[in-house]
PDB file of N, CA and C in Angstrom:
ATOM      1  N   MET A   1     -19.579  16.554   2.286  1.00  0.00           N
ATOM      2  CA  MET A   1     -19.700  17.037   0.937  1.00  0.00           C
ATOM      3  C   MET A   1     -18.506  16.537   0.131  1.00  0.00           C
ATOM      4  N   ILE A   2     -18.767  16.102  -1.084  1.00  0.00           N
ATOM      5  CA  ILE A   2     -17.725  15.603  -1.975  1.00  0.00           C
ATOM      6  C   ILE A   2     -17.493  16.631  -3.070  1.00  0.00           C
ATOM      7  N   THR A   3     -16.238  16.977  -3.280  1.00  0.00           N
ATOM      8  CA  THR A   3     -15.881  17.908  -4.332  1.00  0.00           C
ATOM      9  C   THR A   3     -15.031  17.173  -5.358  1.00  0.00           C
ATOM     10  N   LEU A   4     -15.431  17.240  -6.603  1.00  0.00           N
ATOM     11  CA  LEU A   4     -14.662  16.628  -7.677  1.00  0.00           C
ATOM     12  C   LEU A   4     -13.741  17.664  -8.280  1.00  0.00           C
ATOM     13  N   LYS A   5     -12.512  17.255  -8.523  1.00  0.00           N
ATOM     14  CA  LYS A   5     -11.553  18.121  -9.194  1.00  0.00           C
ATOM     15  C   LYS A   5     -11.048  17.369 -10.413  1.00  0.00           C
ATOM     16  N   PHE A   6     -11.176  17.978 -11.557  1.00  0.00           N
ATOM     17  CA  PHE A   6     -10.715  17.353 -12.779  1.00  0.00           C
ATOM     18  C   PHE A   6      -9.285  17.792 -13.061  1.00  0.00           C
ATOM     19  N   LEU A   7      -8.464  16.829 -13.454  1.00  0.00           N
ATOM     20  CA  LEU A   7      -7.058  17.114 -13.711  1.00  0.00           C
ATOM     21  C   LEU A   7      -6.894  17.669 -15.116  1.00  0.00           C
ATOM     22  N   PRO A   8      -5.968  18.597 -15.283  1.00  0.00           N
ATOM     23  CA  PRO A   8      -5.693  19.122 -16.621  1.00  0.00           C
ATOM     24  C   PRO A   8      -5.158  18.002 -17.522  1.00  0.00           C
ATOM     25  N   PRO A   9      -5.335  18.122 -18.829  1.00  0.00           N
ATOM     26  CA  PRO A   9      -4.835  17.090 -19.748  1.00  0.00           C
ATOM     27  C   PRO A   9      -3.326  16.894 -19.611  1.00  0.00           C
ATOM     28  N   ASN A  10      -2.907  15.660 -19.775  1.00  0.00           N
ATOM     29  CA  ASN A  10      -1.481  15.280 -19.785  1.00  0.00           C
ATOM     30  C   ASN A  10      -0.742  15.597 -18.490  1.00  0.00           C
ATOM     31  N   THR A  11      -1.420  15.666 -17.393  1.00  0.00           N
ATOM     32  CA  THR A  11      -0.747  15.936 -16.120  1.00  0.00           C
ATOM     33  C   THR A  11      -1.007  14.846 -15.085  1.00  0.00           C
ATOM     34  N   THR A  12      -1.780  13.826 -15.449  1.00  0.00           N
ATOM     35  CA  THR A  12      -2.123  12.817 -14.440  1.00  0.00           C
ATOM     36  C   THR A  12      -0.892  12.120 -13.879  1.00  0.00           C
ATOM     37  N   SER A  13       0.112  11.867 -14.718  1.00  0.00           N
ATOM     38  CA  SER A  13       1.305  11.201 -14.200  1.00  0.00           C
ATOM     39  C   SER A  13       2.061  12.080 -13.213  1.00  0.00           C
ATOM     40  N   LEU A  14       1.896  13.390 -13.322  1.00  0.00           N
ATOM     41  CA  LEU A  14       2.557  14.308 -12.401  1.00  0.00           C
ATOM     42  C   LEU A  14       1.768  14.514 -11.115  1.00  0.00           C
ATOM     43  N   LEU A  15       0.466  14.298 -11.183  1.00  0.00           N
ATOM     44  CA  LEU A  15      -0.399  14.624 -10.053  1.00  0.00           C
ATOM     45  C   LEU A  15      -0.987  13.407  -9.348  1.00  0.00           C
ATOM     46  N   GLN A  16      -0.707  12.215  -9.826  1.00  0.00           N
ATOM     47  CA  GLN A  16      -1.287  11.018  -9.225  1.00  0.00           C
ATOM     48  C   GLN A  16      -0.735  10.833  -7.816  1.00  0.00           C
ATOM     49  N   PRO A  17      -1.566  11.004  -6.791  1.00  0.00           N
ATOM     50  CA  PRO A  17      -1.084  10.869  -5.417  1.00  0.00           C
ATOM     51  C   PRO A  17      -0.541   9.472  -5.104  1.00  0.00           C
ATOM     52  N   MET A  18      -1.162   8.462  -5.670  1.00  0.00           N
ATOM     53  CA  MET A  18      -0.720   7.104  -5.354  1.00  0.00           C
ATOM     54  C   MET A  18       0.674   6.827  -5.919  1.00  0.00           C
ATOM     55  N   ASP A  19       1.029   7.510  -7.015  1.00  0.00           N
ATOM     56  CA  ASP A  19       2.355   7.330  -7.597  1.00  0.00           C
ATOM     57  C   ASP A  19       3.433   8.066  -6.819  1.00  0.00           C
ATOM     58  N   MET A  20       3.038   8.909  -5.885  1.00  0.00           N
ATOM     59  CA  MET A  20       4.003   9.736  -5.162  1.00  0.00           C
ATOM     60  C   MET A  20       4.469   9.110  -3.857  1.00  0.00           C
ATOM     61  N   GLY A  21       4.398   7.824  -3.740  1.00  0.00           N
ATOM     62  CA  GLY A  21       4.946   7.183  -2.557  1.00  0.00           C
ATOM     63  C   GLY A  21       4.106   6.060  -1.988  1.00  0.00           C
ATOM     64  N   VAL A  22       2.802   6.110  -2.187  1.00  0.00           N
ATOM     65  CA  VAL A  22       1.937   5.081  -1.594  1.00  0.00           C
ATOM     66  C   VAL A  22       2.210   3.724  -2.229  1.00  0.00           C
ATOM     67  N   ILE A  23       2.272   3.682  -3.556  1.00  0.00           N
ATOM     68  CA  ILE A  23       2.483   2.410  -4.241  1.00  0.00           C
ATOM     69  C   ILE A  23       3.860   1.837  -3.893  1.00  0.00           C
ATOM     70  N   LYS A  24       4.871   2.688  -3.900  1.00  0.00           N
ATOM     71  CA  LYS A  24       6.228   2.233  -3.571  1.00  0.00           C
ATOM     72  C   LYS A  24       6.287   1.676  -2.144  1.00  0.00           C
ATOM     73  N   ASN A  25       5.648   2.374  -1.225  1.00  0.00           N
ATOM     74  CA  ASN A  25       5.613   1.939   0.166  1.00  0.00           C
ATOM     75  C   ASN A  25       4.886   0.600   0.293  1.00  0.00           C
ATOM     76  N   PHE A  26       3.747   0.488  -0.376  1.00  0.00           N
ATOM     77  CA  PHE A  26       2.965  -0.755  -0.360  1.00  0.00           C
ATOM     78  C   PHE A  26       3.794  -1.907  -0.923  1.00  0.00           C
ATOM     79  N   LYS A  27       4.449  -1.682  -2.056  1.00  0.00           N
ATOM     80  CA  LYS A  27       5.257  -2.735  -2.676  1.00  0.00           C
ATOM     81  C   LYS A  27       6.385  -3.190  -1.748  1.00  0.00           C
ATOM     82  N   GLY A  28       6.974  -2.249  -1.025  1.00  0.00           N
ATOM     83  CA  GLY A  28       8.032  -2.619  -0.087  1.00  0.00           C
ATOM     84  C   GLY A  28       7.533  -3.522   1.017  1.00  0.00           C
ATOM     85  N   HIS A  29       6.367  -3.187   1.574  1.00  0.00           N
ATOM     86  CA  HIS A  29       5.786  -4.029   2.625  1.00  0.00           C
ATOM     87  C   HIS A  29       5.380  -5.392   2.074  1.00  0.00           C
ATOM     88  N   TYR A  30       4.827  -5.415   0.863  1.00  0.00           N
ATOM     89  CA  TYR A  30       4.416  -6.671   0.241  1.00  0.00           C
ATOM     90  C   TYR A  30       5.642  -7.564   0.004  1.00  0.00           C
ATOM     91  N   SER A  31       6.674  -6.988  -0.577  1.00  0.00           N
ATOM     92  CA  SER A  31       7.895  -7.756  -0.867  1.00  0.00           C
ATOM     93  C   SER A  31       8.519  -8.314   0.400  1.00  0.00           C
ATOM     94  N   SER A  32       8.456  -7.541   1.463  1.00  0.00           N
ATOM     95  CA  SER A  32       8.997  -7.992   2.735  1.00  0.00           C
ATOM     96  C   SER A  32       8.271  -9.254   3.218  1.00  0.00           C
ATOM     97  N   ARG A  33       6.944  -9.254   3.113  1.00  0.00           N
ATOM     98  CA  ARG A  33       6.170 -10.422   3.527  1.00  0.00           C
ATOM     99  C   ARG A  33       6.453 -11.622   2.628  1.00  0.00           C
ATOM    100  N   PHE A  34       6.557 -11.372   1.335  1.00  0.00           N
ATOM    101  CA  PHE A  34       6.863 -12.434   0.369  1.00  0.00           C
ATOM    102  C   PHE A  34       8.222 -13.060   0.700  1.00  0.00           C
ATOM    103  N   ASN A  35       9.221 -12.211   0.908  1.00  0.00           N
ATOM    104  CA  ASN A  35      10.567 -12.704   1.220  1.00  0.00           C
ATOM    105  C   ASN A  35      10.615 -13.410   2.574  1.00  0.00           C
ATOM    106  N   ASP A  36       9.870 -12.898   3.548  1.00  0.00           N
ATOM    107  CA  ASP A  36       9.817 -13.557   4.855  1.00  0.00           C
ATOM    108  C   ASP A  36       9.282 -14.982   4.723  1.00  0.00           C
ATOM    109  N   ARG A  37       8.263 -15.165   3.866  1.00  0.00           N
ATOM    110  CA  ARG A  37       7.690 -16.499   3.649  1.00  0.00           C
ATOM    111  C   ARG A  37       8.725 -17.432   3.047  1.00  0.00           C
ATOM    112  N   ILE A  38       9.478 -16.943   2.085  1.00  0.00           N
ATOM    113  CA  ILE A  38      10.495 -17.778   1.441  1.00  0.00           C
ATOM    114  C   ILE A  38      11.599 -18.134   2.432  1.00  0.00           C
ATOM    115  N   VAL A  39      12.056 -17.170   3.200  1.00  0.00           N
ATOM    116  CA  VAL A  39      13.116 -17.430   4.189  1.00  0.00           C
ATOM    117  C   VAL A  39      12.640 -18.422   5.240  1.00  0.00           C
ATOM    118  N   ALA A  40      11.405 -18.272   5.711  1.00  0.00           N
ATOM    119  CA  ALA A  40      10.870 -19.211   6.709  1.00  0.00           C
ATOM    120  C   ALA A  40      10.802 -20.625   6.140  1.00  0.00           C
ATOM    121  N   SER A  41      10.403 -20.738   4.876  1.00  0.00           N
ATOM    122  CA  SER A  41      10.338 -22.054   4.243  1.00  0.00           C
ATOM    123  C   SER A  41      11.730 -22.646   4.053  1.00  0.00           C
ATOM    124  N   LEU A  42      12.694 -21.793   3.715  1.00  0.00           N
ATOM    125  CA  LEU A  42      14.073 -22.279   3.566  1.00  0.00           C
ATOM    126  C   LEU A  42      14.652 -22.717   4.907  1.00  0.00           C
ATOM    127  N   ASP A  43      14.296 -22.005   5.974  1.00  0.00           N
ATOM    128  CA  ASP A  43      14.752 -22.405   7.305  1.00  0.00           C
ATOM    129  C   ASP A  43      14.171 -23.759   7.690  1.00  0.00           C
ATOM    130  N   ALA A  44      12.920 -23.982   7.332  1.00  0.00           N
ATOM    131  CA  ALA A  44      12.253 -25.244   7.673  1.00  0.00           C
ATOM    132  C   ALA A  44      12.752 -26.397   6.802  1.00  0.00           C
ATOM    133  N   ASN A  45      13.106 -26.100   5.559  1.00  0.00           N
ATOM    134  CA  ASN A  45      13.561 -27.139   4.645  1.00  0.00           C
ATOM    135  C   ASN A  45      14.716 -26.595   3.800  1.00  0.00           C
ATOM    136  N   PRO A  46      15.945 -26.686   4.302  1.00  0.00           N
ATOM    137  CA  PRO A  46      17.112 -26.106   3.619  1.00  0.00           C
ATOM    138  C   PRO A  46      17.406 -26.711   2.248  1.00  0.00           C
ATOM    139  N   ASP A  47      16.889 -27.904   1.958  1.00  0.00           N
ATOM    140  CA  ASP A  47      17.153 -28.549   0.669  1.00  0.00           C
ATOM    141  C   ASP A  47      16.306 -27.965  -0.458  1.00  0.00           C
ATOM    142  N   GLU A  48      15.271 -27.242  -0.106  1.00  0.00           N
ATOM    143  CA  GLU A  48      14.376 -26.679  -1.111  1.00  0.00           C
ATOM    144  C   GLU A  48      14.986 -25.398  -1.690  1.00  0.00           C
ATOM    145  N   LYS A  49      14.635 -25.080  -2.927  1.00  0.00           N
ATOM    146  CA  LYS A  49      15.140 -23.876  -3.581  1.00  0.00           C
ATOM    147  C   LYS A  49      14.107 -22.760  -3.468  1.00  0.00           C
ATOM    148  N   ALA A  50      14.605 -21.542  -3.389  1.00  0.00           N
ATOM    149  CA  ALA A  50      13.726 -20.384  -3.247  1.00  0.00           C
ATOM    150  C   ALA A  50      12.749 -20.273  -4.410  1.00  0.00           C
ATOM    151  N   ILE A  51      13.204 -20.573  -5.620  1.00  0.00           N
ATOM    152  CA  ILE A  51      12.324 -20.480  -6.794  1.00  0.00           C
ATOM    153  C   ILE A  51      11.166 -21.468  -6.678  1.00  0.00           C
ATOM    154  N   ASP A  52      11.427 -22.645  -6.131  1.00  0.00           N
ATOM    155  CA  ASP A  52      10.361 -23.636  -5.956  1.00  0.00           C
ATOM    156  C   ASP A  52       9.365 -23.195  -4.885  1.00  0.00           C
ATOM    157  N   ILE A  53       9.877 -22.569  -3.845  1.00  0.00           N
ATOM    158  CA  ILE A  53       8.995 -22.070  -2.780  1.00  0.00           C
ATOM    159  C   ILE A  53       8.098 -20.961  -3.331  1.00  0.00           C
ATOM    160  N   SER A  54       8.686 -20.071  -4.121  1.00  0.00           N
ATOM    161  CA  SER A  54       7.889 -18.955  -4.653  1.00  0.00           C
ATOM    162  C   SER A  54       6.783 -19.446  -5.572  1.00  0.00           C
ATOM    163  N   LYS A  55       7.005 -20.558  -6.253  1.00  0.00           N
ATOM    164  CA  LYS A  55       5.971 -21.114  -7.131  1.00  0.00           C
ATOM    165  C   LYS A  55       4.822 -21.735  -6.344  1.00  0.00           C
ATOM    166  N   LYS A  56       5.052 -22.031  -5.074  1.00  0.00           N
ATOM    167  CA  LYS A  56       4.010 -22.628  -4.236  1.00  0.00           C
ATOM    168  C   LYS A  56       3.126 -21.596  -3.538  1.00  0.00           C
ATOM    169  N   ILE A  57       3.476 -20.333  -3.654  1.00  0.00           N
ATOM    170  CA  ILE A  57       2.675 -19.278  -3.022  1.00  0.00           C
ATOM    171  C   ILE A  57       1.379 -19.130  -3.808  1.00  0.00           C
ATOM    172  N   THR A  58       0.274 -19.252  -3.095  1.00  0.00           N
ATOM    173  CA  THR A  58      -1.044 -19.242  -3.728  1.00  0.00           C
ATOM    174  C   THR A  58      -1.595 -17.828  -3.832  1.00  0.00           C
ATOM    175  N   LEU A  59      -2.700 -17.718  -4.554  1.00  0.00           N
ATOM    176  CA  LEU A  59      -3.383 -16.433  -4.655  1.00  0.00           C
ATOM    177  C   LEU A  59      -3.856 -15.986  -3.279  1.00  0.00           C
ATOM    178  N   LEU A  60      -4.322 -16.928  -2.469  1.00  0.00           N
ATOM    179  CA  LEU A  60      -4.752 -16.591  -1.111  1.00  0.00           C
ATOM    180  C   LEU A  60      -3.583 -16.036  -0.297  1.00  0.00           C
ATOM    181  N   ASN A  61      -2.406 -16.641  -0.440  1.00  0.00           N
ATOM    182  CA  ASN A  61      -1.213 -16.116   0.236  1.00  0.00           C
ATOM    183  C   ASN A  61      -0.920 -14.698  -0.224  1.00  0.00           C
ATOM    184  N   ALA A  62      -0.973 -14.473  -1.529  1.00  0.00           N
ATOM    185  CA  ALA A  62      -0.678 -13.147  -2.082  1.00  0.00           C
ATOM    186  C   ALA A  62      -1.676 -12.109  -1.573  1.00  0.00           C
ATOM    187  N   LEU A  63      -2.942 -12.487  -1.495  1.00  0.00           N
ATOM    188  CA  LEU A  63      -3.952 -11.559  -0.976  1.00  0.00           C
ATOM    189  C   LEU A  63      -3.711 -11.262   0.496  1.00  0.00           C
ATOM    190  N   SER A  64      -3.284 -12.255   1.227  1.00  0.00           N
ATOM    191  CA  SER A  64      -2.963 -12.055   2.639  1.00  0.00           C
ATOM    192  C   SER A  64      -1.770 -11.106   2.788  1.00  0.00           C
ATOM    193  N   PHE A  65      -0.755 -11.290   1.937  1.00  0.00           N
ATOM    194  CA  PHE A  65       0.402 -10.383   1.950  1.00  0.00           C
ATOM    195  C   PHE A  65      -0.052  -8.960   1.649  1.00  0.00           C
ATOM    196  N   ALA A  66      -0.938  -8.818   0.657  1.00  0.00           N
ATOM    197  CA  ALA A  66      -1.426  -7.492   0.266  1.00  0.00           C
ATOM    198  C   ALA A  66      -2.217  -6.847   1.397  1.00  0.00           C
ATOM    199  N   ARG A  67      -3.076  -7.625   2.052  1.00  0.00           N
ATOM    200  CA  ARG A  67      -3.855  -7.084   3.177  1.00  0.00           C
ATOM    201  C   ARG A  67      -2.933  -6.592   4.279  1.00  0.00           C
ATOM    202  N   ASP A  68      -1.969  -7.414   4.630  1.00  0.00           N
ATOM    203  CA  ASP A  68      -1.043  -7.044   5.706  1.00  0.00           C
ATOM    204  C   ASP A  68      -0.162  -5.858   5.308  1.00  0.00           C
ATOM    205  N   ALA A  69       0.240  -5.809   4.048  1.00  0.00           N
ATOM    206  CA  ALA A  69       1.052  -4.689   3.570  1.00  0.00           C
ATOM    207  C   ALA A  69       0.250  -3.394   3.620  1.00  0.00           C
ATOM    208  N   TRP A  70      -1.023  -3.457   3.250  1.00  0.00           N
ATOM    209  CA  TRP A  70      -1.854  -2.246   3.289  1.00  0.00           C
ATOM    210  C   TRP A  70      -2.034  -1.765   4.725  1.00  0.00           C
ATOM    211  N   LYS A  71      -2.185  -2.698   5.650  1.00  0.00           N
ATOM    212  CA  LYS A  71      -2.332  -2.312   7.059  1.00  0.00           C
ATOM    213  C   LYS A  71      -1.075  -1.643   7.589  1.00  0.00           C
ATOM    214  N   GLU A  72       0.068  -1.957   7.025  1.00  0.00           N
ATOM    215  CA  GLU A  72       1.329  -1.365   7.464  1.00  0.00           C
ATOM    216  C   GLU A  72       1.532   0.057   6.939  1.00  0.00           C
ATOM    217  N   LEU A  73       0.812   0.422   5.886  1.00  0.00           N
ATOM    218  CA  LEU A  73       0.936   1.789   5.371  1.00  0.00           C
ATOM    219  C   LEU A  73       0.469   2.761   6.437  1.00  0.00           C
ATOM    220  N   LYS A  74       1.243   3.779   6.647  1.00  0.00           N
ATOM    221  CA  LYS A  74       0.867   4.794   7.623  1.00  0.00           C
ATOM    222  C   LYS A  74      -0.096   5.776   6.967  1.00  0.00           C
ATOM    223  N   PRO A  75      -1.139   6.156   7.663  1.00  0.00           N
ATOM    224  CA  PRO A  75      -2.051   7.151   7.108  1.00  0.00           C
ATOM    225  C   PRO A  75      -1.320   8.438   6.725  1.00  0.00           C
ATOM    226  N   SER A  76      -0.284   8.754   7.468  1.00  0.00           N
ATOM    227  CA  SER A  76       0.465   9.975   7.155  1.00  0.00           C
ATOM    228  C   SER A  76       1.121   9.876   5.776  1.00  0.00           C
ATOM    229  N   THR A  77       1.502   8.663   5.349  1.00  0.00           N
ATOM    230  CA  THR A  77       2.077   8.486   4.013  1.00  0.00           C
ATOM    231  C   THR A  77       1.050   8.864   2.958  1.00  0.00           C
ATOM    232  N   ILE A  78      -0.177   8.403   3.137  1.00  0.00           N
ATOM    233  CA  ILE A  78      -1.237   8.685   2.174  1.00  0.00           C
ATOM    234  C   ILE A  78      -1.569  10.176   2.182  1.00  0.00           C
ATOM    235  N   VAL A  79      -1.723  10.736   3.360  1.00  0.00           N
ATOM    236  CA  VAL A  79      -2.047  12.164   3.473  1.00  0.00           C
ATOM    237  C   VAL A  79      -0.937  13.003   2.838  1.00  0.00           C
ATOM    238  N   ASN A  80       0.306  12.667   3.112  1.00  0.00           N
ATOM    239  CA  ASN A  80       1.425  13.428   2.561  1.00  0.00           C
ATOM    240  C   ASN A  80       1.467  13.355   1.038  1.00  0.00           C
ATOM    241  N   CYS A  81       1.157  12.185   0.482  1.00  0.00           N
ATOM    242  CA  CYS A  81       1.161  12.053  -0.974  1.00  0.00           C
ATOM    243  C   CYS A  81       0.058  12.883  -1.608  1.00  0.00           C
ATOM    244  N   TYR A  82      -1.121  12.888  -1.003  1.00  0.00           N
ATOM    245  CA  TYR A  82      -2.203  13.717  -1.530  1.00  0.00           C
ATOM    246  C   TYR A  82      -1.875  15.200  -1.370  1.00  0.00           C
ATOM    247  N   SER A  83      -1.258  15.552  -0.258  1.00  0.00           N
ATOM    248  CA  SER A  83      -0.863  16.950  -0.049  1.00  0.00           C
ATOM    249  C   SER A  83       0.182  17.376  -1.070  1.00  0.00           C
ATOM    250  N   LYS A  84       1.144  16.512  -1.332  1.00  0.00           N
ATOM    251  CA  LYS A  84       2.203  16.804  -2.301  1.00  0.00           C
ATOM    252  C   LYS A  84       1.620  17.034  -3.693  1.00  0.00           C
ATOM    253  N   ALA A  85       0.542  16.297  -3.999  1.00  0.00           N
ATOM    254  CA  ALA A  85      -0.106  16.454  -5.304  1.00  0.00           C
ATOM    255  C   ALA A  85      -1.050  17.651  -5.331  1.00  0.00           C
ATOM    256  N   GLY A  86      -1.235  18.293  -4.173  1.00  0.00           N
ATOM    257  CA  GLY A  86      -2.124  19.447  -4.105  1.00  0.00           C
ATOM    258  C   GLY A  86      -3.591  19.069  -4.073  1.00  0.00           C
ATOM    259  N   LEU A  87      -3.882  17.843  -3.653  1.00  0.00           N
ATOM    260  CA  LEU A  87      -5.260  17.347  -3.664  1.00  0.00           C
ATOM    261  C   LEU A  87      -5.828  17.136  -2.271  1.00  0.00           C
ATOM    262  N   SER A  88      -5.178  17.657  -1.255  1.00  0.00           N
ATOM    263  CA  SER A  88      -5.637  17.440   0.113  1.00  0.00           C
ATOM    264  C   SER A  88      -6.412  18.651   0.605  1.00  0.00           C
ATOM    265  N   ALA A  89      -7.494  18.369   1.328  1.00  0.00           N
ATOM    266  CA  ALA A  89      -8.274  19.447   1.939  1.00  0.00           C
ATOM    267  C   ALA A  89      -7.594  19.927   3.209  1.00  0.00           C
ATOM    268  N   CYS A  90      -6.713  19.127   3.768  1.00  0.00           N
ATOM    269  CA  CYS A  90      -6.013  19.465   5.007  1.00  0.00           C
ATOM    270  C   CYS A  90      -4.696  20.155   4.656  1.00  0.00           C
ATOM    271  N   ALA A  91      -4.447  21.243   5.301  1.00  0.00           N
ATOM    272  CA  ALA A  91      -3.198  21.964   5.054  1.00  0.00           C
ATOM    273  C   ALA A  91      -2.013  21.221   5.646  1.00  0.00           C
ATOM    274  N   THR A  92      -2.249  20.545   6.763  1.00  0.00           N
ATOM    275  CA  THR A  92      -1.170  19.804   7.404  1.00  0.00           C
ATOM    276  C   THR A  92      -1.675  18.429   7.802  1.00  0.00           C
ATOM    277  N   GLU A  93      -0.732  17.578   8.051  1.00  0.00           N
ATOM    278  CA  GLU A  93      -1.056  16.213   8.478  1.00  0.00           C
ATOM    279  C   GLU A  93      -1.815  16.209   9.799  1.00  0.00           C
ATOM    280  N   GLU A  94      -1.490  17.164  10.683  1.00  0.00           N
ATOM    281  CA  GLU A  94      -2.106  17.199  12.002  1.00  0.00           C
ATOM    282  C   GLU A  94      -3.595  17.517  11.939  1.00  0.00           C
ATOM    283  N   GLU A  95      -4.028  18.212  10.873  1.00  0.00           N
ATOM    284  CA  GLU A  95      -5.429  18.573  10.749  1.00  0.00           C
ATOM    285  C   GLU A  95      -6.303  17.374  10.400  1.00  0.00           C
ATOM    286  N   ALA A  96      -5.705  16.337   9.865  1.00  0.00           N
ATOM    287  CA  ALA A  96      -6.471  15.161   9.475  1.00  0.00           C
ATOM    288  C   ALA A  96      -6.724  14.282  10.698  1.00  0.00           C
ATOM    289  N   ASP A  97      -7.908  13.702  10.759  1.00  0.00           N
ATOM    290  CA  ASP A  97      -8.203  12.730  11.809  1.00  0.00           C
ATOM    291  C   ASP A  97      -7.650  11.396  11.331  1.00  0.00           C
ATOM    292  N   MET A  98      -6.431  11.099  11.749  1.00  0.00           N
ATOM    293  CA  MET A  98      -5.698   9.981  11.201  1.00  0.00           C
ATOM    294  C   MET A  98      -6.364   8.635  11.453  1.00  0.00           C
ATOM    295  N   ASP A  99      -6.996   8.433  12.610  1.00  0.00           N
ATOM    296  CA  ASP A  99      -7.643   7.158  12.888  1.00  0.00           C
ATOM    297  C   ASP A  99      -8.802   6.922  11.933  1.00  0.00           C
ATOM    298  N   ASP A 100      -9.618   7.936  11.713  1.00  0.00           N
ATOM    299  CA  ASP A 100     -10.736   7.792  10.788  1.00  0.00           C
ATOM    300  C   ASP A 100     -10.232   7.564   9.370  1.00  0.00           C
ATOM    301  N   PHE A 101      -9.195   8.296   8.980  1.00  0.00           N
ATOM    302  CA  PHE A 101      -8.656   8.159   7.634  1.00  0.00           C
ATOM    303  C   PHE A 101      -8.141   6.746   7.410  1.00  0.00           C
ATOM    304  N   HIS A 102      -7.424   6.212   8.371  1.00  0.00           N
ATOM    305  CA  HIS A 102      -6.851   4.876   8.252  1.00  0.00           C
ATOM    306  C   HIS A 102      -7.952   3.843   8.107  1.00  0.00           C
ATOM    307  N   ASP A 103      -8.996   3.919   8.926  1.00  0.00           N
ATOM    308  CA  ASP A 103     -10.095   2.959   8.857  1.00  0.00           C
ATOM    309  C   ASP A 103     -10.808   3.027   7.520  1.00  0.00           C
ATOM    310  N   VAL A 104     -11.068   4.223   7.029  1.00  0.00           N
ATOM    311  CA  VAL A 104     -11.758   4.385   5.752  1.00  0.00           C
ATOM    312  C   VAL A 104     -10.888   3.842   4.617  1.00  0.00           C
ATOM    313  N   ALA A 105      -9.595   4.146   4.653  1.00  0.00           N
ATOM    314  CA  ALA A 105      -8.697   3.700   3.592  1.00  0.00           C
ATOM    315  C   ALA A 105      -8.631   2.182   3.545  1.00  0.00           C
ATOM    316  N   ILE A 106      -8.500   1.551   4.679  1.00  0.00           N
ATOM    317  CA  ILE A 106      -8.408   0.084   4.701  1.00  0.00           C
ATOM    318  C   ILE A 106      -9.731  -0.539   4.295  1.00  0.00           C
ATOM    319  N   ASN A 107     -10.832  -0.053   4.833  1.00  0.00           N
ATOM    320  CA  ASN A 107     -12.126  -0.647   4.521  1.00  0.00           C
ATOM    321  C   ASN A 107     -12.511  -0.475   3.061  1.00  0.00           C
ATOM    322  N   SER A 108     -12.202   0.657   2.472  1.00  0.00           N
ATOM    323  CA  SER A 108     -12.579   0.873   1.081  1.00  0.00           C
ATOM    324  C   SER A 108     -11.646   0.138   0.120  1.00  0.00           C
ATOM    325  N   ALA A 109     -10.382   0.003   0.489  1.00  0.00           N
ATOM    326  CA  ALA A 109      -9.418  -0.633  -0.403  1.00  0.00           C
ATOM    327  C   ALA A 109      -9.463  -2.160  -0.314  1.00  0.00           C
ATOM    328  N   LEU A 110      -9.795  -2.692   0.820  1.00  0.00           N
ATOM    329  CA  LEU A 110      -9.750  -4.135   1.033  1.00  0.00           C
ATOM    330  C   LEU A 110     -11.073  -4.669   1.554  1.00  0.00           C
ATOM    331  N   ARG A 111     -12.114  -4.475   0.819  1.00  0.00           N
ATOM    332  CA  ARG A 111     -13.415  -5.016   1.247  1.00  0.00           C
ATOM    333  C   ARG A 111     -13.364  -6.516   1.191  1.00  0.00           C
ATOM    334  N   SER A 112     -13.635  -7.125   2.318  1.00  0.00           N
ATOM    335  CA  SER A 112     -13.558  -8.593   2.341  1.00  0.00           C
ATOM    336  C   SER A 112     -14.877  -9.205   2.700  1.00  0.00           C
TER     337      SER A 112
END
């Protein structure tokens, strides 16, 4: 069963679960992959500049970084953010079936 909850006016920025840690966590994992690519390229070719390497990163590379970054997000991070916003049906993280949650989150967010 799906239950819709409407947010009160002017409170979305306070209650957005994704703004409470998921996006920051995702960006950290993404940046790590981006920087790893640049460092690996610099190791392979020390004469090249980092700015030039970053300009060579394709959309496909960026999507790959995003996919891998999303896989690194822990389901507990997502559950905790929704709980913090008061939007979780589970009172505690342990009540959630974390394996199912992780699979659903990845499949719905990154349909390929």
